[in-house]
Amino acid sequence: LPAAIAAIAFTSLAAGQSRKPVPARAVVGLEAGAVTLPSSANGTLVMKACGKCQLKSYPVTRATKYYLYSDAVTLPELNAALAGQPKTYVGVTYSQKTSEIMSVRAHAKRVR
C-alpha cells in the first residue's frame, strides 16, 4: 500500500510540474505594415500573434495606451506617425486572458 501511495503522489507531482503558468500578457513585435491599427478608441487592432498564426482581431478600449518610443500619444497621433512607414517596428502588448490590447508602442517620431 505505501508503494501505491508513493506512485500516486509521484504521478500527481509529475502532472503538476508539466503545467506551466500562462503569462497574464503577451508582447508581439512586428512591422507596422503587418498590423492594422484601430480607427477609434473602442475599435479593433488586427494582427498575427505569431508567424504561423491566423490574422485575428483584438479589441482596444479607452484604457489602451499608445506610445511613440516612450512618449505617450493619442491613437490619431500614432496612426499619423505610422502612415507610410510599413517597416517601422511596433510592439503590441495584449492580455492572454481577454485578448484586449493593453498598449501599442512604435519606434517612430511624432508628426508635427
C-alpha atoms as a PDB file:
ATOM      1  CA  LEU A   1       0.000   0.000   0.000  1.00  0.00           C
ATOM      2  CA  PRO A   2       2.760   2.571   0.754  1.00  0.00           C
ATOM      3  CA  ALA A   3       4.213   1.954  -2.714  1.00  0.00           C
ATOM      4  CA  ALA A   4       0.816   2.665  -4.289  1.00  0.00           C
ATOM      5  CA  ILE A   5       0.524   5.918  -2.332  1.00  0.00           C
ATOM      6  CA  ALA A   6       4.033   6.917  -3.404  1.00  0.00           C
ATOM      7  CA  ALA A   7       3.178   6.138  -7.039  1.00  0.00           C
ATOM      8  CA  ILE A   8       0.036   8.287  -6.845  1.00  0.00           C
ATOM      9  CA  ALA A   9       1.950  11.143  -5.216  1.00  0.00           C
ATOM     10  CA  PHE A  10       4.704  10.926  -7.837  1.00  0.00           C
ATOM     11  CA  THR A  11       2.162  10.890 -10.673  1.00  0.00           C
ATOM     12  CA  SER A  12       0.363  13.897  -9.206  1.00  0.00           C
ATOM     13  CA  LEU A  13       3.638  15.740  -8.761  1.00  0.00           C
ATOM     14  CA  ALA A  14       4.736  14.972 -12.332  1.00  0.00           C
ATOM     15  CA  ALA A  15       1.376  16.107 -13.691  1.00  0.00           C
ATOM     16  CA  GLY A  16       1.595  19.341 -11.712  1.00  0.00           C
ATOM     17  CA  GLN A  17       5.094  20.034 -12.957  1.00  0.00           C
ATOM     18  CA  SER A  18       4.048  19.688 -16.572  1.00  0.00           C
ATOM     19  CA  ARG A  19       1.603  22.585 -16.217  1.00  0.00           C
ATOM     20  CA  LYS A  20       3.197  25.908 -16.940  1.00  0.00           C
ATOM     21  CA  PRO A  21       1.503  29.090 -15.850  1.00  0.00           C
ATOM     22  CA  VAL A  22       0.123  31.201 -18.676  1.00  0.00           C
ATOM     23  CA  PRO A  23       1.548  34.720 -18.548  1.00  0.00           C
ATOM     24  CA  ALA A  24      -1.032  37.442 -17.936  1.00  0.00           C
ATOM     25  CA  ARG A  25       0.134  39.315 -21.024  1.00  0.00           C
ATOM     26  CA  ALA A  26       1.995  38.727 -24.233  1.00  0.00           C
ATOM     27  CA  VAL A  27       4.092  41.057 -26.351  1.00  0.00           C
ATOM     28  CA  VAL A  28       4.291  40.756 -30.128  1.00  0.00           C
ATOM     29  CA  GLY A  29       6.883  42.632 -32.176  1.00  0.00           C
ATOM     30  CA  LEU A  30       6.116  43.240 -35.827  1.00  0.00           C
ATOM     31  CA  GLU A  31       6.443  45.734 -38.641  1.00  0.00           C
ATOM     32  CA  ALA A  32       3.769  48.420 -38.909  1.00  0.00           C
ATOM     33  CA  GLY A  33       2.707  47.035 -42.291  1.00  0.00           C
ATOM     34  CA  ALA A  34       1.707  43.771 -40.589  1.00  0.00           C
ATOM     35  CA  VAL A  35      -0.754  45.383 -38.185  1.00  0.00           C
ATOM     36  CA  THR A  36      -3.970  47.257 -38.819  1.00  0.00           C
ATOM     37  CA  LEU A  37      -4.454  49.875 -36.143  1.00  0.00           C
ATOM     38  CA  PRO A  38      -7.927  50.759 -34.942  1.00  0.00           C
ATOM     39  CA  SER A  39      -9.613  53.880 -36.234  1.00  0.00           C
ATOM     40  CA  SER A  40     -11.329  54.609 -32.916  1.00  0.00           C
ATOM     41  CA  ALA A  41     -10.700  54.167 -29.197  1.00  0.00           C
ATOM     42  CA  ASN A  42     -13.183  51.287 -28.997  1.00  0.00           C
ATOM     43  CA  GLY A  43     -12.232  49.547 -32.236  1.00  0.00           C
ATOM     44  CA  THR A  44     -10.074  46.563 -33.055  1.00  0.00           C
ATOM     45  CA  LEU A  45      -6.443  46.007 -33.932  1.00  0.00           C
ATOM     46  CA  VAL A  46      -5.760  43.243 -36.470  1.00  0.00           C
ATOM     47  CA  MET A  47      -2.503  41.244 -36.456  1.00  0.00           C
ATOM     48  CA  LYS A  48      -0.938  37.802 -36.351  1.00  0.00           C
ATOM     49  CA  ALA A  49       0.260  36.958 -32.839  1.00  0.00           C
ATOM     50  CA  CYS A  50       2.904  34.627 -34.335  1.00  0.00           C
ATOM     51  CA  GLY A  51       4.400  33.803 -37.709  1.00  0.00           C
ATOM     52  CA  LYS A  52       2.122  30.811 -38.322  1.00  0.00           C
ATOM     53  CA  CYS A  53      -0.944  32.267 -36.582  1.00  0.00           C
ATOM     54  CA  GLN A  54      -4.042  33.412 -38.445  1.00  0.00           C
ATOM     55  CA  LEU A  55      -4.952  37.085 -38.585  1.00  0.00           C
ATOM     56  CA  LYS A  56      -7.049  37.942 -35.562  1.00  0.00           C
ATOM     57  CA  SER A  57      -8.925  40.997 -34.339  1.00  0.00           C
ATOM     58  CA  TYR A  58      -8.023  42.221 -30.857  1.00  0.00           C
ATOM     59  CA  PRO A  59     -10.232  44.739 -29.035  1.00  0.00           C
ATOM     60  CA  VAL A  60      -8.897  48.107 -27.899  1.00  0.00           C
ATOM     61  CA  THR A  61     -10.565  50.244 -25.264  1.00  0.00           C
ATOM     62  CA  ARG A  62     -10.170  53.694 -23.826  1.00  0.00           C
ATOM     63  CA  ALA A  63      -7.703  52.078 -21.379  1.00  0.00           C
ATOM     64  CA  THR A  64      -5.352  51.043 -24.220  1.00  0.00           C
ATOM     65  CA  LYS A  65      -2.115  53.070 -24.132  1.00  0.00           C
ATOM     66  CA  TYR A  66      -0.239  54.276 -27.234  1.00  0.00           C
ATOM     67  CA  TYR A  67       3.417  55.304 -27.399  1.00  0.00           C
ATOM     68  CA  LEU A  68       5.971  56.669 -29.832  1.00  0.00           C
ATOM     69  CA  TYR A  69       9.177  55.393 -28.272  1.00  0.00           C
ATOM     70  CA  SER A  70       8.473  56.192 -24.594  1.00  0.00           C
ATOM     71  CA  ASP A  71       6.214  59.210 -25.189  1.00  0.00           C
ATOM     72  CA  ALA A  72       2.505  58.672 -24.549  1.00  0.00           C
ATOM     73  CA  VAL A  73       0.439  59.727 -27.569  1.00  0.00           C
ATOM     74  CA  THR A  74      -3.144  59.540 -28.762  1.00  0.00           C
ATOM     75  CA  LEU A  75      -4.364  56.955 -31.245  1.00  0.00           C
ATOM     76  CA  PRO A  76      -4.634  59.565 -34.045  1.00  0.00           C
ATOM     77  CA  GLU A  77      -1.037  60.650 -33.344  1.00  0.00           C
ATOM     78  CA  LEU A  78       0.150  57.032 -33.544  1.00  0.00           C
ATOM     79  CA  ASN A  79      -1.748  56.475 -36.792  1.00  0.00           C
ATOM     80  CA  ALA A  80      -0.247  59.669 -38.266  1.00  0.00           C
ATOM     81  CA  ALA A  81       3.297  58.705 -37.267  1.00  0.00           C
ATOM     82  CA  LEU A  82       2.976  55.257 -38.861  1.00  0.00           C
ATOM     83  CA  ALA A  83       1.287  56.389 -42.088  1.00  0.00           C
ATOM     84  CA  GLY A  84       3.570  55.444 -44.969  1.00  0.00           C
ATOM     85  CA  GLN A  85       6.049  53.718 -42.612  1.00  0.00           C
ATOM     86  CA  PRO A  86       5.358  49.980 -43.124  1.00  0.00           C
ATOM     87  CA  LYS A  87       8.816  48.859 -41.951  1.00  0.00           C
ATOM     88  CA  THR A  88       8.641  50.673 -38.591  1.00  0.00           C
ATOM     89  CA  TYR A  89       8.867  48.384 -35.542  1.00  0.00           C
ATOM     90  CA  VAL A  90       5.687  48.112 -33.466  1.00  0.00           C
ATOM     91  CA  GLY A  91       5.339  46.303 -30.139  1.00  0.00           C
ATOM     92  CA  VAL A  92       1.836  45.222 -29.154  1.00  0.00           C
ATOM     93  CA  THR A  93       1.031  44.074 -25.612  1.00  0.00           C
ATOM     94  CA  TYR A  94      -2.215  42.198 -25.085  1.00  0.00           C
ATOM     95  CA  SER A  95      -3.979  40.225 -22.369  1.00  0.00           C
ATOM     96  CA  GLN A  96      -3.646  36.449 -22.764  1.00  0.00           C
ATOM     97  CA  LYS A  97      -6.957  36.004 -20.955  1.00  0.00           C
ATOM     98  CA  THR A  98      -9.184  38.543 -22.728  1.00  0.00           C
ATOM     99  CA  SER A  99      -7.156  39.323 -25.908  1.00  0.00           C
ATOM    100  CA  GLU A 100      -7.644  43.011 -25.098  1.00  0.00           C
ATOM    101  CA  ILE A 101      -4.853  45.272 -26.340  1.00  0.00           C
ATOM    102  CA  MET A 102      -3.074  46.856 -23.383  1.00  0.00           C
ATOM    103  CA  SER A 103      -0.570  49.004 -25.289  1.00  0.00           C
ATOM    104  CA  VAL A 104       0.934  49.721 -28.690  1.00  0.00           C
ATOM    105  CA  ARG A 105       4.467  51.131 -28.875  1.00  0.00           C
ATOM    106  CA  ALA A 106       6.026  52.261 -32.149  1.00  0.00           C
ATOM    107  CA  HIS A 107       9.594  53.243 -32.893  1.00  0.00           C
ATOM    108  CA  ALA A 108       8.654  56.326 -34.863  1.00  0.00           C
ATOM    109  CA  LYS A 109       8.788  60.075 -34.438  1.00  0.00           C
ATOM    110  CA  ARG A 110       5.733  62.178 -33.754  1.00  0.00           C
ATOM    111  CA  VAL A 111       4.372  64.024 -36.795  1.00  0.00           C
ATOM    112  CA  ARG A 112       4.306  67.747 -36.048  1.00  0.00           C
END
